[in-house]
Amino acid sequence: MKVVVIGSGGREHALCYKLKKSKKLTELYCIPGNAGTAKICKNIDIDINDFEKIYETVKKNQIDLIIVGPEDPLVNGIVDFFESKKIKIFGPSKLASRLEGSKAFLKKFCHDFSIPSAKYFEINNIEEAEKVLNKFDLPVVVKSDGLAAGKGVTICKTKEEALNDIKEILNGKFKSSRKVVLEEFLEGEEASFFVITDGINYLPIG
């Protein structure tokens, strides 16, 4: 089986490392990859959001399976694109990726399905922010709605700090979104539970 992994981080290096141990694997590629992946597979320098270019490479190399690491191409619909081309791809659809790609969508999802979650409020302008901030205790959590490469969440200890962060996001600090999610601060340990699902069946993996 010929496999290509999409991404260039440590996550993708780990995926390639484990895939390389499979007896079913015949060839392994990484787009665009990194120095670590270069030692165990063939790196191909393509923009991870250029789906047409990736498709050309997949067809040319007769690749059987695509595995997507980064959130950005998933949110942009890479799985939907390749499924429409009848090519096997591992990752959530564009709709399912909204759980990761939009914090406002996730919070509403939790609310609608009675999933316990911190108190929150969606903010679209600074006047709204000034009113809503008075309803929250300090510290308060300010989040950019969209993907922000791990830099979209700030724990603010003062109202002034929160307003400053909110203004920056509303003014386009992150390209993905100009919407802000204001959330109550919850102290404690963070735990992640991972599952693989086809939409009906699921398998816990850690």
Protein backbone atom coordinates (compact mmCIF):
# COMPACT_ATOMS: atom_id res chain seq x y z
CA MET A 1 0.00 0.00 0.00
CA LYS A 2 1.22 3.49 -0.91
CA VAL A 3 0.47 6.14 1.72
CA VAL A 4 0.94 9.92 1.91
CA VAL A 5 0.85 11.89 5.17
CA ILE A 6 -0.15 15.57 4.95
CA GLY A 7 1.69 17.97 7.28
CA SER A 8 5.12 19.09 8.46
CA GLY A 9 5.17 18.85 12.25
CA GLY A 10 6.15 16.41 14.96
CA ARG A 11 2.70 14.79 14.76
CA GLU A 12 3.29 13.90 11.11
CA HIS A 13 6.81 12.62 11.86
CA ALA A 14 5.31 10.32 14.53
CA LEU A 15 2.65 9.09 12.08
CA CYS A 16 5.29 8.34 9.44
CA TYR A 17 7.49 6.59 12.02
CA LYS A 18 4.67 4.19 12.99
CA LEU A 19 3.42 3.69 9.42
CA LYS A 20 6.94 2.72 8.36
CA LYS A 21 6.70 -0.33 10.66
CA SER A 22 3.64 -1.71 8.84
CA LYS A 23 4.19 -4.78 6.67
CA LYS A 24 1.37 -3.57 4.40
CA LEU A 25 3.30 -0.42 3.45
CA THR A 26 5.17 -0.38 0.14
CA GLU A 27 5.87 3.37 -0.27
CA LEU A 28 5.54 6.34 2.10
CA TYR A 29 5.38 10.05 1.22
CA CYS A 30 4.95 13.23 3.29
CA ILE A 31 3.60 16.59 2.05
CA PRO A 32 5.55 18.78 2.68
CA GLY A 33 7.28 16.90 5.52
CA ASN A 34 10.27 17.97 7.62
CA ALA A 35 13.88 16.96 8.32
CA GLY A 36 12.69 14.02 10.42
CA THR A 37 10.28 12.63 7.83
CA ALA A 38 12.95 13.01 5.14
CA LYS A 39 14.93 10.23 6.83
CA ILE A 40 12.10 7.68 6.65
CA CYS A 41 10.04 8.66 3.59
CA LYS A 42 9.97 10.89 0.51
CA ASN A 43 9.07 14.54 1.17
CA ILE A 44 7.13 16.39 -1.54
CA ASP A 45 7.08 20.19 -1.31
CA ILE A 46 3.44 21.20 -1.93
CA ASP A 47 1.20 23.70 -0.12
CA ILE A 48 -1.11 21.61 2.12
CA ASN A 49 -4.10 23.71 1.01
CA ASP A 50 -3.43 23.27 -2.72
CA PHE A 51 -5.78 20.30 -3.11
CA GLU A 52 -5.52 20.16 -6.92
CA LYS A 53 -1.71 19.96 -6.79
CA ILE A 54 -1.88 17.25 -4.12
CA TYR A 55 -4.43 15.39 -6.27
CA GLU A 56 -2.03 15.47 -9.26
CA THR A 57 0.73 13.98 -7.07
CA VAL A 58 -1.60 11.33 -5.62
CA LYS A 59 -2.66 10.21 -9.13
CA LYS A 60 0.90 10.32 -10.50
CA ASN A 61 2.28 8.15 -7.67
CA GLN A 62 -0.81 5.89 -7.51
CA ILE A 63 -1.25 6.54 -3.78
CA ASP A 64 -3.83 4.36 -2.02
CA LEU A 65 -4.40 6.32 1.19
CA ILE A 66 -4.03 9.92 2.43
CA ILE A 67 -3.66 10.67 6.16
CA VAL A 68 -4.16 14.31 7.21
CA GLY A 69 -2.42 15.76 10.28
CA PRO A 70 -2.98 19.56 10.42
CA GLU A 71 -6.32 21.20 11.23
CA ASP A 72 -6.10 23.87 8.49
CA PRO A 73 -6.65 21.67 5.39
CA LEU A 74 -9.30 19.66 7.30
CA VAL A 75 -11.26 22.84 8.07
CA ASN A 76 -10.85 23.86 4.42
CA GLY A 77 -12.45 20.58 3.24
CA ILE A 78 -9.58 18.37 2.07
CA VAL A 79 -11.46 15.19 3.07
CA ASP A 80 -14.59 16.19 1.14
CA PHE A 81 -12.41 17.04 -1.90
CA PHE A 82 -10.67 13.65 -2.05
CA GLU A 83 -13.79 11.67 -1.21
CA SER A 84 -15.42 13.30 -4.26
CA LYS A 85 -12.46 11.96 -6.29
CA LYS A 86 -13.04 8.44 -4.83
CA ILE A 87 -9.63 8.47 -3.11
CA LYS A 88 -9.32 7.02 0.41
CA ILE A 89 -8.49 9.70 2.98
CA PHE A 90 -8.34 9.56 6.79
CA GLY A 91 -9.68 12.61 8.64
CA PRO A 92 -12.90 14.43 9.58
CA SER A 93 -15.12 16.09 6.96
CA LYS A 94 -15.33 19.87 6.60
CA LEU A 95 -18.53 19.91 8.68
CA ALA A 96 -17.09 17.72 11.45
CA SER A 97 -13.88 19.82 11.45
CA ARG A 98 -15.90 22.85 12.57
CA LEU A 99 -15.70 21.39 16.09
CA GLU A 100 -11.98 22.23 15.94
CA GLY A 101 -12.13 25.14 13.50
CA SER A 102 -14.73 27.27 15.30
CA LYS A 103 -14.80 27.69 19.08
CA ALA A 104 -18.20 29.42 18.84
CA PHE A 105 -19.62 26.42 16.92
CA LEU A 106 -18.17 24.03 19.52
CA LYS A 107 -19.64 25.98 22.44
CA LYS A 108 -23.08 26.08 20.78
CA PHE A 109 -22.80 22.35 20.04
CA CYS A 110 -22.08 21.67 23.73
CA HIS A 111 -25.00 23.88 24.76
CA ASP A 112 -27.46 22.29 22.29
CA PHE A 113 -26.57 18.74 23.35
CA SER A 114 -26.30 19.44 27.11
CA ILE A 115 -22.55 18.74 27.25
CA PRO A 116 -21.07 20.37 30.39
CA SER A 117 -18.90 23.34 29.41
CA ALA A 118 -17.68 26.66 30.83
CA LYS A 119 -20.06 29.66 30.68
CA TYR A 120 -19.43 31.67 27.49
CA PHE A 121 -20.57 34.53 25.30
CA GLU A 122 -19.99 35.28 21.60
CA ILE A 123 -18.72 38.79 20.87
CA ASN A 124 -18.81 40.61 17.54
CA ASN A 125 -18.05 44.21 18.59
CA ILE A 126 -16.25 46.09 21.37
CA GLU A 127 -19.42 47.70 22.81
CA GLU A 128 -20.85 44.23 23.37
CA ALA A 129 -17.57 43.14 24.99
CA GLU A 130 -17.63 46.00 27.53
CA LYS A 131 -21.15 45.04 28.67
CA VAL A 132 -20.57 41.29 28.77
CA LEU A 133 -17.25 41.47 30.66
CA ASN A 134 -19.09 42.74 33.75
CA LYS A 135 -20.94 39.40 33.91
CA PHE A 136 -17.69 37.41 34.27
CA ASP A 137 -15.37 36.97 37.25
CA LEU A 138 -11.64 37.51 36.76
CA PRO A 139 -9.51 35.97 35.39
CA VAL A 140 -11.47 35.55 32.16
CA VAL A 141 -10.57 33.60 29.01
CA VAL A 142 -10.51 35.35 25.62
CA LYS A 143 -10.55 33.11 22.54
CA SER A 144 -10.37 33.81 18.84
CA ASP A 145 -13.21 31.88 17.18
CA GLY A 146 -11.10 30.39 14.35
CA LEU A 147 -7.79 28.53 14.07
CA ALA A 148 -4.85 30.57 15.34
CA ALA A 149 -1.90 28.15 15.35
CA GLY A 150 -2.14 27.67 19.13
CA LYS A 151 -2.00 31.44 19.83
CA GLY A 152 -5.72 32.23 19.93
CA VAL A 153 -6.41 31.78 23.67
CA THR A 154 -5.45 34.24 26.44
CA ILE A 155 -6.18 34.10 30.18
CA CYS A 156 -6.73 37.74 31.14
CA LYS A 157 -6.34 38.88 34.75
CA THR A 158 -7.85 42.36 34.25
CA LYS A 159 -10.77 43.82 32.30
CA GLU A 160 -8.37 46.15 30.45
CA GLU A 161 -6.21 43.22 29.33
CA ALA A 162 -9.31 41.37 28.11
CA LEU A 163 -10.61 44.40 26.18
CA ASN A 164 -7.23 44.89 24.54
CA ASP A 165 -7.12 41.24 23.41
CA ILE A 166 -10.71 41.41 22.16
CA LYS A 167 -9.96 44.58 20.13
CA GLU A 168 -6.95 42.91 18.48
CA ILE A 169 -9.01 39.86 17.43
CA LEU A 170 -11.93 42.00 16.20
CA ASN A 171 -9.43 44.07 14.17
CA GLY A 172 -8.14 40.95 12.38
CA LYS A 173 -5.19 39.72 14.45
CA PHE A 174 -5.97 36.22 13.13
CA LYS A 175 -7.04 35.72 9.50
CA SER A 176 -9.38 32.84 10.35
CA SER A 177 -11.98 34.89 12.25
CA ARG A 178 -12.94 38.27 13.70
CA LYS A 179 -15.33 36.77 16.22
CA VAL A 180 -14.45 36.38 19.90
CA VAL A 181 -15.57 33.81 22.46
CA LEU A 182 -15.44 35.07 26.04
CA GLU A 183 -15.36 32.17 28.50
CA GLU A 184 -15.28 31.73 32.27
CA PHE A 185 -11.95 30.57 33.67
CA LEU A 186 -11.97 27.02 35.04
CA GLU A 187 -9.00 25.84 37.08
CA GLY A 188 -7.89 22.21 36.99
CA GLU A 189 -6.15 19.51 34.99
CA GLU A 190 -6.79 19.06 31.28
CA ALA A 191 -7.46 15.57 29.94
CA SER A 192 -7.90 14.40 26.35
CA PHE A 193 -9.73 11.27 25.22
CA PHE A 194 -9.16 10.18 21.62
CA VAL A 195 -11.43 8.04 19.46
CA ILE A 196 -11.56 7.07 15.79
CA THR A 197 -15.04 7.06 14.29
CA ASP A 198 -16.74 6.52 10.91
CA GLY A 199 -19.76 8.47 12.13
CA ILE A 200 -21.51 5.39 13.47
CA ASN A 201 -18.93 3.11 15.09
CA TYR A 202 -16.06 4.32 17.28
CA LEU A 203 -12.80 2.95 18.68
CA PRO A 204 -11.00 4.52 21.71
CA ILE A 205 -7.27 4.94 21.02
CA GLY A 206 -6.00 6.74 24.14
